[in-house]
C-alpha atoms as a PDB file:
ATOM      1  CA  MET A   1      -0.010  -0.010  -0.003  1.00  0.00           C
ATOM      2  CA  ARG A   2       1.364   3.420  -0.924  1.00  0.00           C
ATOM      3  CA  THR A   3       1.536   6.124   1.645  1.00  0.00           C
ATOM      4  CA  SER A   4       0.548   9.707   0.990  1.00  0.00           C
ATOM      5  CA  ASN A   5       3.175  12.435   0.572  1.00  0.00           C
ATOM      6  CA  SER A   6       2.360  13.847   4.038  1.00  0.00           C
ATOM      7  CA  ALA A   7       2.791  10.446   5.647  1.00  0.00           C
ATOM      8  CA  GLY A   8       6.093   9.962   3.845  1.00  0.00           C
ATOM      9  CA  LYS A   9       7.314  13.365   5.083  1.00  0.00           C
ATOM     10  CA  LEU A  10       6.318  12.420   8.608  1.00  0.00           C
ATOM     11  CA  PHE A  11       8.345   9.179   8.445  1.00  0.00           C
ATOM     12  CA  LEU A  12      11.306  11.122   7.015  1.00  0.00           C
ATOM     13  CA  ALA A  13      11.097  13.683   9.821  1.00  0.00           C
ATOM     14  CA  ILE A  14      10.970  10.952  12.448  1.00  0.00           C
ATOM     15  CA  GLY A  15      13.979   9.302  10.830  1.00  0.00           C
ATOM     16  CA  LEU A  16      15.959  12.479  10.839  1.00  0.00           C
ATOM     17  CA  PHE A  17      15.082  13.116  14.501  1.00  0.00           C
ATOM     18  CA  VAL A  18      16.316   9.645  15.420  1.00  0.00           C
ATOM     19  CA  LEU A  19      19.575  10.323  13.508  1.00  0.00           C
ATOM     20  CA  VAL A  20      20.161  13.816  14.873  1.00  0.00           C
ATOM     21  CA  ARG A  21      19.077  13.307  18.467  1.00  0.00           C
ATOM     22  CA  PRO A  22      22.061  11.169  19.535  1.00  0.00           C
ATOM     23  CA  VAL A  23      24.428  13.808  18.109  1.00  0.00           C
ATOM     24  CA  CYS A  24      22.809  16.460  20.306  1.00  0.00           C
ATOM     25  CA  LEU A  25      23.024  14.211  23.304  1.00  0.00           C
ATOM     26  CA  ARG A  26      26.622  13.408  22.487  1.00  0.00           C
ATOM     27  CA  ALA A  27      27.474  17.138  22.445  1.00  0.00           C
ATOM     28  CA  ASP A  28      25.824  17.480  25.868  1.00  0.00           C
ATOM     29  CA  ASP A  29      27.786  14.465  27.149  1.00  0.00           C
ATOM     30  CA  ILE A  30      31.044  15.965  25.884  1.00  0.00           C
ATOM     31  CA  GLU A  31      30.241  19.299  27.560  1.00  0.00           C
ATOM     32  CA  ALA A  32      29.494  17.559  30.868  1.00  0.00           C
ATOM     33  CA  ALA A  33      32.609  15.381  30.694  1.00  0.00           C
ATOM     34  CA  TRP A  34      34.797  18.375  29.811  1.00  0.00           C
ATOM     35  CA  LYS A  35      33.392  20.514  32.646  1.00  0.00           C
ATOM     36  CA  ASP A  36      33.885  17.701  35.180  1.00  0.00           C
ATOM     37  CA  LEU A  37      37.495  17.103  34.165  1.00  0.00           C
ATOM     38  CA  LEU A  38      38.304  20.810  34.049  1.00  0.00           C
ATOM     39  CA  ILE A  39      36.924  21.388  37.551  1.00  0.00           C
ATOM     40  CA  LYS A  40      38.793  18.363  38.925  1.00  0.00           C
ATOM     41  CA  GLY A  41      42.020  19.616  37.303  1.00  0.00           C
ATOM     42  CA  GLN A  42      41.569  23.124  38.736  1.00  0.00           C
ATOM     43  CA  ARG A  43      40.806  21.758  42.205  1.00  0.00           C
ATOM     44  CA  ALA A  44      43.910  19.577  42.127  1.00  0.00           C
ATOM     45  CA  ALA A  45      45.980  22.623  41.099  1.00  0.00           C
ATOM     46  CA  VAL A  46      44.587  24.652  43.975  1.00  0.00           C
ATOM     47  CA  ALA A  47      45.558  21.741  46.304  1.00  0.00           C
ATOM     48  CA  HIS A  48      49.076  21.906  44.722  1.00  0.00           C
ATOM     49  CA  ASP A  49      48.790  18.350  43.383  1.00  0.00           C
ATOM     50  CA  MET A  50      50.146  19.374  40.011  1.00  0.00           C
ATOM     51  CA  ALA A  51      50.670  15.843  38.605  1.00  0.00           C
ATOM     52  CA  THR A  52      47.028  15.023  39.156  1.00  0.00           C
ATOM     53  CA  ALA A  53      45.956  18.409  37.835  1.00  0.00           C
ATOM     54  CA  ASP A  54      47.935  17.784  34.655  1.00  0.00           C
ATOM     55  CA  GLN A  55      46.273  14.429  34.106  1.00  0.00           C
ATOM     56  CA  PHE A  56      42.777  15.799  34.491  1.00  0.00           C
ATOM     57  CA  LEU A  57      43.440  18.872  32.330  1.00  0.00           C
ATOM     58  CA  GLN A  58      45.004  16.808  29.548  1.00  0.00           C
ATOM     59  CA  LYS A  59      41.799  14.706  29.502  1.00  0.00           C
ATOM     60  CA  ALA A  60      39.723  17.898  29.608  1.00  0.00           C
ATOM     61  CA  LEU A  61      41.704  19.188  26.619  1.00  0.00           C
ATOM     62  CA  HIS A  62      40.949  16.020  24.701  1.00  0.00           C
ATOM     63  CA  GLU A  63      37.221  16.481  25.349  1.00  0.00           C
ATOM     64  CA  ALA A  64      37.411  20.175  24.493  1.00  0.00           C
ATOM     65  CA  GLU A  65      39.024  19.528  21.133  1.00  0.00           C
ATOM     66  CA  ARG A  66      35.915  17.563  20.100  1.00  0.00           C
ATOM     67  CA  PHE A  67      34.239  20.957  19.732  1.00  0.00           C
ATOM     68  CA  GLY A  68      37.005  22.100  17.297  1.00  0.00           C
ATOM     69  CA  SER A  69      40.665  23.027  17.702  1.00  0.00           C
ATOM     70  CA  THR A  70      39.948  26.736  18.065  1.00  0.00           C
ATOM     71  CA  ASP A  71      36.809  26.478  20.164  1.00  0.00           C
ATOM     72  CA  SER A  72      36.532  28.518  23.361  1.00  0.00           C
ATOM     73  CA  HIS A  73      36.467  25.261  25.408  1.00  0.00           C
ATOM     74  CA  VAL A  74      40.027  24.640  24.202  1.00  0.00           C
ATOM     75  CA  GLY A  75      41.193  28.161  25.061  1.00  0.00           C
ATOM     76  CA  ILE A  76      39.776  27.930  28.588  1.00  0.00           C
ATOM     77  CA  THR A  77      41.375  24.526  29.166  1.00  0.00           C
ATOM     78  CA  LEU A  78      44.810  25.573  27.867  1.00  0.00           C
ATOM     79  CA  ALA A  79      44.713  28.654  30.081  1.00  0.00           C
ATOM     80  CA  SER A  80      44.425  26.361  33.115  1.00  0.00           C
ATOM     81  CA  LEU A  81      46.905  23.791  31.810  1.00  0.00           C
ATOM     82  CA  GLY A  82      49.797  26.213  31.066  1.00  0.00           C
ATOM     83  CA  PRO A  83      50.420  27.256  34.689  1.00  0.00           C
ATOM     84  CA  VAL A  84      50.216  23.626  35.841  1.00  0.00           C
ATOM     85  CA  GLN A  85      52.838  22.650  33.253  1.00  0.00           C
ATOM     86  CA  LYS A  86      54.986  25.540  34.434  1.00  0.00           C
ATOM     87  CA  ALA A  87      54.745  24.306  38.056  1.00  0.00           C
ATOM     88  CA  LEU A  88      55.854  20.893  36.834  1.00  0.00           C
ATOM     89  CA  LYS A  89      58.801  22.590  35.022  1.00  0.00           C
ATOM     90  CA  HIS A  90      57.484  21.460  31.635  1.00  0.00           C
ATOM     91  CA  TYR A  91      58.350  24.877  30.234  1.00  0.00           C
ATOM     92  CA  ALA A  92      58.203  24.178  26.501  1.00  0.00           C
ATOM     93  CA  GLU A  93      54.784  22.575  26.847  1.00  0.00           C
ATOM     94  CA  ALA A  94      53.581  25.430  29.095  1.00  0.00           C
ATOM     95  CA  GLU A  95      54.722  28.047  26.593  1.00  0.00           C
ATOM     96  CA  ALA A  96      52.976  26.224  23.747  1.00  0.00           C
ATOM     97  CA  SER A  97      49.757  25.840  25.728  1.00  0.00           C
ATOM     98  CA  LEU A  98      49.604  29.566  26.676  1.00  0.00           C
ATOM     99  CA  ARG A  99      50.494  30.795  23.194  1.00  0.00           C
ATOM    100  CA  ARG A 100      47.729  28.611  21.762  1.00  0.00           C
ATOM    101  CA  ALA A 101      45.273  29.821  24.448  1.00  0.00           C
ATOM    102  CA  LEU A 102      46.011  33.429  23.528  1.00  0.00           C
ATOM    103  CA  LEU A 103      45.468  32.768  19.828  1.00  0.00           C
ATOM    104  CA  ILE A 104      41.995  31.399  20.708  1.00  0.00           C
ATOM    105  CA  ILE A 105      41.024  33.915  23.409  1.00  0.00           C
ATOM    106  CA  ASP A 106      42.599  36.986  21.818  1.00  0.00           C
ATOM    107  CA  PRO A 107      42.882  36.189  18.101  1.00  0.00           C
ATOM    108  CA  ASP A 108      43.218  39.846  17.035  1.00  0.00           C
ATOM    109  CA  ASP A 109      45.784  40.630  19.773  1.00  0.00           C
ATOM    110  CA  ASN A 110      43.830  43.654  20.931  1.00  0.00           C
ATOM    111  CA  ARG A 111      41.585  42.541  23.852  1.00  0.00           C
ATOM    112  CA  GLY A 112      42.418  44.597  26.906  1.00  0.00           C
ATOM    113  CA  THR A 113      40.886  42.269  29.483  1.00  0.00           C
ATOM    114  CA  GLU A 114      42.255  41.092  32.794  1.00  0.00           C
ATOM    115  CA  ASP A 115      42.185  37.467  31.585  1.00  0.00           C
ATOM    116  CA  VAL A 116      44.358  38.313  28.592  1.00  0.00           C
ATOM    117  CA  ALA A 117      46.758  40.291  30.828  1.00  0.00           C
ATOM    118  CA  ASP A 118      46.991  37.346  33.239  1.00  0.00           C
ATOM    119  CA  LEU A 119      47.742  34.927  30.364  1.00  0.00           C
ATOM    120  CA  ASN A 120      50.505  37.238  29.060  1.00  0.00           C
ATOM    121  CA  PHE A 121      51.962  37.556  32.575  1.00  0.00           C
ATOM    122  CA  ASP A 122      52.049  33.752  32.950  1.00  0.00           C
ATOM    123  CA  LEU A 123      53.597  33.425  29.458  1.00  0.00           C
ATOM    124  CA  ALA A 124      56.292  35.976  30.224  1.00  0.00           C
ATOM    125  CA  GLY A 125      57.135  34.161  33.478  1.00  0.00           C
ATOM    126  CA  ILE A 126      57.525  30.921  31.522  1.00  0.00           C
ATOM    127  CA  LEU A 127      59.833  32.648  29.016  1.00  0.00           C
ATOM    128  CA  VAL A 128      62.002  33.793  31.902  1.00  0.00           C
ATOM    129  CA  GLU A 129      62.194  30.287  33.288  1.00  0.00           C
ATOM    130  CA  GLU A 130      63.276  29.074  29.856  1.00  0.00           C
ATOM    131  CA  GLY A 131      66.073  31.627  29.810  1.00  0.00           C
ATOM    132  CA  LYS A 132      64.310  33.790  27.165  1.00  0.00           C
ATOM    133  CA  GLN A 133      64.459  36.983  29.170  1.00  0.00           C
ATOM    134  CA  THR A 134      64.766  39.303  26.160  1.00  0.00           C
ATOM    135  CA  ALA A 135      61.623  37.734  24.608  1.00  0.00           C
ATOM    136  CA  ALA A 136      59.787  38.023  27.947  1.00  0.00           C
ATOM    137  CA  ILE A 137      60.107  41.816  28.352  1.00  0.00           C
ATOM    138  CA  PRO A 138      57.707  42.883  25.538  1.00  0.00           C
ATOM    139  CA  VAL A 139      55.203  40.344  26.825  1.00  0.00           C
ATOM    140  CA  PHE A 140      55.492  41.805  30.343  1.00  0.00           C
ATOM    141  CA  ASN A 141      55.107  45.274  28.862  1.00  0.00           C
ATOM    142  CA  LYS A 142      51.936  44.243  27.070  1.00  0.00           C
ATOM    143  CA  CYS A 143      50.243  42.964  30.225  1.00  0.00           C
ATOM    144  CA  LEU A 144      51.514  46.010  32.177  1.00  0.00           C
ATOM    145  CA  GLY A 145      49.733  48.259  29.677  1.00  0.00           C
ATOM    146  CA  ILE A 146      46.482  46.368  30.123  1.00  0.00           C
ATOM    147  CA  PHE A 147      46.680  46.394  33.921  1.00  0.00           C
ATOM    148  CA  GLN A 148      47.394  50.120  33.879  1.00  0.00           C
ATOM    149  CA  GLN A 149      44.371  50.745  31.674  1.00  0.00           C
ATOM    150  CA  LEU A 150      42.103  48.610  33.846  1.00  0.00           C
ATOM    151  CA  GLY A 151      43.272  49.628  37.323  1.00  0.00           C
ATOM    152  CA  GLY A 152      45.572  52.578  36.865  1.00  0.00           C
ATOM    153  CA  GLY A 153      49.328  52.665  37.181  1.00  0.00           C
ATOM    154  CA  GLU A 154      49.147  52.162  40.956  1.00  0.00           C
ATOM    155  CA  SER A 155      47.336  48.750  40.957  1.00  0.00           C
ATOM    156  CA  LEU A 156      49.013  45.844  42.723  1.00  0.00           C
ATOM    157  CA  LYS A 157      48.883  43.755  39.559  1.00  0.00           C
ATOM    158  CA  ALA A 158      50.726  46.494  37.702  1.00  0.00           C
ATOM    159  CA  ALA A 159      53.242  46.602  40.521  1.00  0.00           C
ATOM    160  CA  ALA A 160      53.810  42.813  40.224  1.00  0.00           C
ATOM    161  CA  VAL A 161      54.555  43.248  36.504  1.00  0.00           C
ATOM    162  CA  GLN A 162      56.900  46.158  37.141  1.00  0.00           C
ATOM    163  CA  CYS A 163      58.859  44.085  39.673  1.00  0.00           C
ATOM    164  CA  ALA A 164      59.021  41.220  37.218  1.00  0.00           C
ATOM    165  CA  ILE A 165      60.281  43.584  34.500  1.00  0.00           C
ATOM    166  CA  GLY A 166      62.891  44.984  36.857  1.00  0.00           C
ATOM    167  CA  ASP A 167      64.033  41.524  37.936  1.00  0.00           C
ATOM    168  CA  THR A 168      64.190  40.422  34.313  1.00  0.00           C
ATOM    169  CA  TYR A 169      66.390  43.379  33.385  1.00  0.00           C
ATOM    170  CA  ARG A 170      68.498  42.631  36.478  1.00  0.00           C
ATOM    171  CA  SER A 171      69.016  39.044  35.300  1.00  0.00           C
ATOM    172  CA  LEU A 172      70.218  40.471  32.001  1.00  0.00           C
ATOM    173  CA  ARG A 173      72.567  42.774  33.932  1.00  0.00           C
ATOM    174  CA  ALA A 174      70.781  45.788  32.408  1.00  0.00           C
ATOM    175  CA  TYR A 175      70.813  47.495  35.796  1.00  0.00           C
ATOM    176  CA  ALA A 176      70.007  51.003  34.564  1.00  0.00           C
ATOM    177  CA  ASP A 177      66.850  49.633  32.900  1.00  0.00           C
ATOM    178  CA  ALA A 178      65.903  47.685  36.007  1.00  0.00           C
ATOM    179  CA  GLU A 179      65.971  50.679  38.350  1.00  0.00           C
ATOM    180  CA  GLU A 180      62.789  52.572  37.342  1.00  0.00           C
ATOM    181  CA  PRO A 181      60.332  49.650  37.226  1.00  0.00           C
ATOM    182  CA  LEU A 182      61.558  48.375  40.590  1.00  0.00           C
ATOM    183  CA  LYS A 183      61.196  51.868  42.149  1.00  0.00           C
ATOM    184  CA  ARG A 184      57.581  52.095  40.865  1.00  0.00           C
ATOM    185  CA  CYS A 185      56.848  48.616  42.132  1.00  0.00           C
ATOM    186  CA  ALA A 186      58.196  49.449  45.632  1.00  0.00           C
ATOM    187  CA  GLU A 187      56.303  52.737  45.772  1.00  0.00           C
ATOM    188  CA  THR A 188      52.980  51.109  44.847  1.00  0.00           C
ATOM    189  CA  ARG A 189      53.434  48.253  47.328  1.00  0.00           C
ATOM    190  CA  GLU A 190      54.257  50.623  50.131  1.00  0.00           C
ATOM    191  CA  ALA A 191      51.356  52.903  49.289  1.00  0.00           C
ATOM    192  CA  ASP A 192      48.931  49.946  49.262  1.00  0.00           C
ATOM    193  CA  GLY A 193      50.125  47.785  52.161  1.00  0.00           C
ATOM    194  CA  GLY A 194      52.296  50.034  54.304  1.00  0.00           C
ATOM    195  CA  VAL A 195      55.922  49.440  55.180  1.00  0.00           C
ATOM    196  CA  MET A 196      55.581  46.067  56.848  1.00  0.00           C
ATOM    197  CA  ASN A 197      54.670  43.861  53.941  1.00  0.00           C
ATOM    198  CA  VAL A 198      56.679  41.091  52.308  1.00  0.00           C
ATOM    199  CA  GLY A 199      55.991  42.304  48.775  1.00  0.00           C
ATOM    200  CA  LEU A 200      57.656  45.609  49.553  1.00  0.00           C
ATOM    201  CA  SER A 201      60.691  43.842  51.056  1.00  0.00           C
ATOM    202  CA  ASP A 202      61.132  41.846  47.819  1.00  0.00           C
ATOM    203  CA  ALA A 203      61.000  45.040  45.718  1.00  0.00           C
ATOM    204  CA  LEU A 204      63.441  46.813  48.023  1.00  0.00           C
ATOM    205  CA  TYR A 205      65.872  43.913  48.010  1.00  0.00           C
ATOM    206  CA  SER A 206      65.907  43.753  44.203  1.00  0.00           C
ATOM    207  CA  LEU A 207      66.277  47.542  44.042  1.00  0.00           C
ATOM    208  CA  ALA A 208      69.167  47.489  46.575  1.00  0.00           C
ATOM    209  CA  ILE A 209      71.011  44.919  44.395  1.00  0.00           C
ATOM    210  CA  VAL A 210      70.506  47.206  41.342  1.00  0.00           C
ATOM    211  CA  TYR A 211      71.836  50.255  43.201  1.00  0.00           C
ATOM    212  CA  GLU A 212      74.795  48.275  44.409  1.00  0.00           C
ATOM    213  CA  LYS A 213      75.589  47.095  40.864  1.00  0.00           C
ATOM    214  CA  LEU A 214      75.323  50.709  39.647  1.00  0.00           C
ATOM    215  CA  GLY A 215      77.760  51.788  42.370  1.00  0.00           C
ATOM    216  CA  LYS A 216      75.092  53.780  44.203  1.00  0.00           C
ATOM    217  CA  TYR A 217      75.988  52.407  47.631  1.00  0.00           C
ATOM    218  CA  ALA A 218      74.316  55.248  49.564  1.00  0.00           C
ATOM    219  CA  LEU A 219      70.989  54.286  47.941  1.00  0.00           C
ATOM    220  CA  ALA A 220      71.540  50.537  48.293  1.00  0.00           C
ATOM    221  CA  ASP A 221      72.357  50.580  52.013  1.00  0.00           C
ATOM    222  CA  PRO A 222      69.088  51.887  53.441  1.00  0.00           C
ATOM    223  CA  ARG A 223      67.011  49.644  51.130  1.00  0.00           C
ATOM    224  CA  TYR A 224      68.896  46.552  52.295  1.00  0.00           C
ATOM    225  CA  LYS A 225      68.378  47.728  55.913  1.00  0.00           C
ATOM    226  CA  LEU A 226      64.634  48.262  55.467  1.00  0.00           C
ATOM    227  CA  ALA A 227      64.221  44.926  53.641  1.00  0.00           C
ATOM    228  CA  GLU A 228      66.022  43.282  56.600  1.00  0.00           C
ATOM    229  CA  LYS A 229      63.651  44.852  59.089  1.00  0.00           C
ATOM    230  CA  ILE A 230      60.547  43.920  57.133  1.00  0.00           C
ATOM    231  CA  ARG A 231      61.553  40.295  56.678  1.00  0.00           C
ATOM    232  CA  GLU A 232      62.586  39.956  60.329  1.00  0.00           C
ATOM    233  CA  LYS A 233      59.217  41.302  61.495  1.00  0.00           C
ATOM    234  CA  THR A 234      56.973  39.554  58.981  1.00  0.00           C
ATOM    235  CA  LEU A 235      58.826  36.258  58.381  1.00  0.00           C
ATOM    236  CA  GLY A 236      60.734  35.783  61.623  1.00  0.00           C
ATOM    237  CA  ILE A 237      64.352  35.973  62.681  1.00  0.00           C
ATOM    238  CA  MET A 238      65.095  32.470  61.527  1.00  0.00           C
ATOM    239  CA  SER A 239      63.718  32.955  58.041  1.00  0.00           C
ATOM    240  CA  PRO A 240      66.016  32.010  55.123  1.00  0.00           C
ATOM    241  CA  ALA A 241      64.708  35.119  53.312  1.00  0.00           C
ATOM    242  CA  PHE A 242      65.961  37.276  56.171  1.00  0.00           C
ATOM    243  CA  ALA A 243      69.339  35.524  56.035  1.00  0.00           C
ATOM    244  CA  GLN A 244      69.493  36.270  52.272  1.00  0.00           C
ATOM    245  CA  VAL A 245      69.190  40.021  52.817  1.00  0.00           C
ATOM    246  CA  LEU A 246      71.710  39.951  55.682  1.00  0.00           C
ATOM    247  CA  GLU A 247      74.259  38.198  53.441  1.00  0.00           C
ATOM    248  CA  SER A 248      73.815  40.703  50.632  1.00  0.00           C
ATOM    249  CA  HIS A 249      73.916  43.667  53.001  1.00  0.00           C
ATOM    250  CA  ALA A 250      77.046  42.355  54.692  1.00  0.00           C
ATOM    251  CA  ALA A 251      78.809  42.166  51.325  1.00  0.00           C
ATOM    252  CA  LEU A 252      77.856  45.766  50.588  1.00  0.00           C
ATOM    253  CA  LEU A 253      78.910  47.005  54.009  1.00  0.00           C
ATOM    254  CA  LYS A 254      82.285  45.397  53.539  1.00  0.00           C
ATOM    255  CA  GLN A 255      82.727  47.196  50.235  1.00  0.00           C
ATOM    256  CA  MET A 256      81.878  50.453  52.040  1.00  0.00           C
ATOM    257  CA  GLY A 257      84.574  49.792  54.656  1.00  0.00           C
ATOM    258  CA  ARG A 258      82.085  49.208  57.466  1.00  0.00           C
ATOM    259  CA  ASP A 259      83.627  45.876  58.477  1.00  0.00           C
ATOM    260  CA  LYS A 260      82.199  45.709  62.031  1.00  0.00           C
ATOM    261  CA  GLU A 261      78.604  46.014  60.762  1.00  0.00           C
ATOM    262  CA  ALA A 262      79.299  43.625  57.928  1.00  0.00           C
ATOM    263  CA  ALA A 263      80.612  41.003  60.405  1.00  0.00           C
ATOM    264  CA  GLN A 264      77.478  41.347  62.567  1.00  0.00           C
ATOM    265  CA  ASP A 265      75.170  40.793  59.645  1.00  0.00           C
ATOM    266  CA  ALA A 266      77.282  37.912  58.303  1.00  0.00           C
ATOM    267  CA  ALA A 267      77.363  36.206  61.733  1.00  0.00           C
ATOM    268  CA  LEU A 268      73.560  36.388  62.133  1.00  0.00           C
ATOM    269  CA  ALA A 269      73.043  35.102  58.615  1.00  0.00           C
ATOM    270  CA  ALA A 270      75.434  32.206  59.316  1.00  0.00           C
ATOM    271  CA  ALA A 271      73.539  31.268  62.476  1.00  0.00           C
ATOM    272  CA  ILE A 272      70.256  31.194  60.531  1.00  0.00           C
ATOM    273  CA  ARG A 273      71.783  28.998  57.810  1.00  0.00           C
ATOM    274  CA  ARG A 274      73.123  26.558  60.462  1.00  0.00           C
ATOM    275  CA  HIS A 275      69.682  26.312  61.984  1.00  0.00           C
ATOM    276  CA  GLU A 276      68.192  25.802  58.495  1.00  0.00           C
ATOM    277  CA  ARG A 277      70.501  22.795  57.899  1.00  0.00           C
ATOM    278  CA  LYS A 278      69.463  20.977  61.117  1.00  0.00           C
END
């Protein structure tokens, strides 16, 4: 018996629904699987279990790529994976992950969002770890520009980038270039958190080293001294970070002919190191 055209169309529609419906469900299944793996990976990273985080995020990336190699799911996953790979010292893989994430999240290289700035900051840090300091500086400068636009030149995120730029120049022995960003970083951190904060001591310590290398001993001395005081008060007298400043300051004091003060700092640093080795 022949069916009418309308009946035939109905059977065709039902057939198409049966064919298409599993595809839709499959997309939903992939989304759910991706989200579950991503969350597990991020939670493991927060718990500092980086090996587990890497495993979950690699699986999440596999699921994300089912949506397409340039899909937003992939970009989001890679943005989480890169820092985990950095923590595992898989620097080449981390660089590749973050560069690919940026191509997806910021394809036109013009998005001035905090997420893009954070990705660039992470990428620049990885480049430094790889010994690519010269390549890192323009990446740092890019994220600095974004943070300054978003939060002004006095934001703590901008300060963190300025300190990173200064330390990168310092590692390149470009001490004159390192001075200004480190000064701005120290000023912002002091204005935000007062004198007794560890972030300020880190900036002052780096700045003191720069002044010492530039032969500006009169500027280096008080910064070493203040960094000592901050670390002693905030981290404790037996802190290795406190010993680090004492050792550097002792070397400067010796160059300045202040041998008695140098010996005192060196002796206290040595006592801390002995305690550290026990």
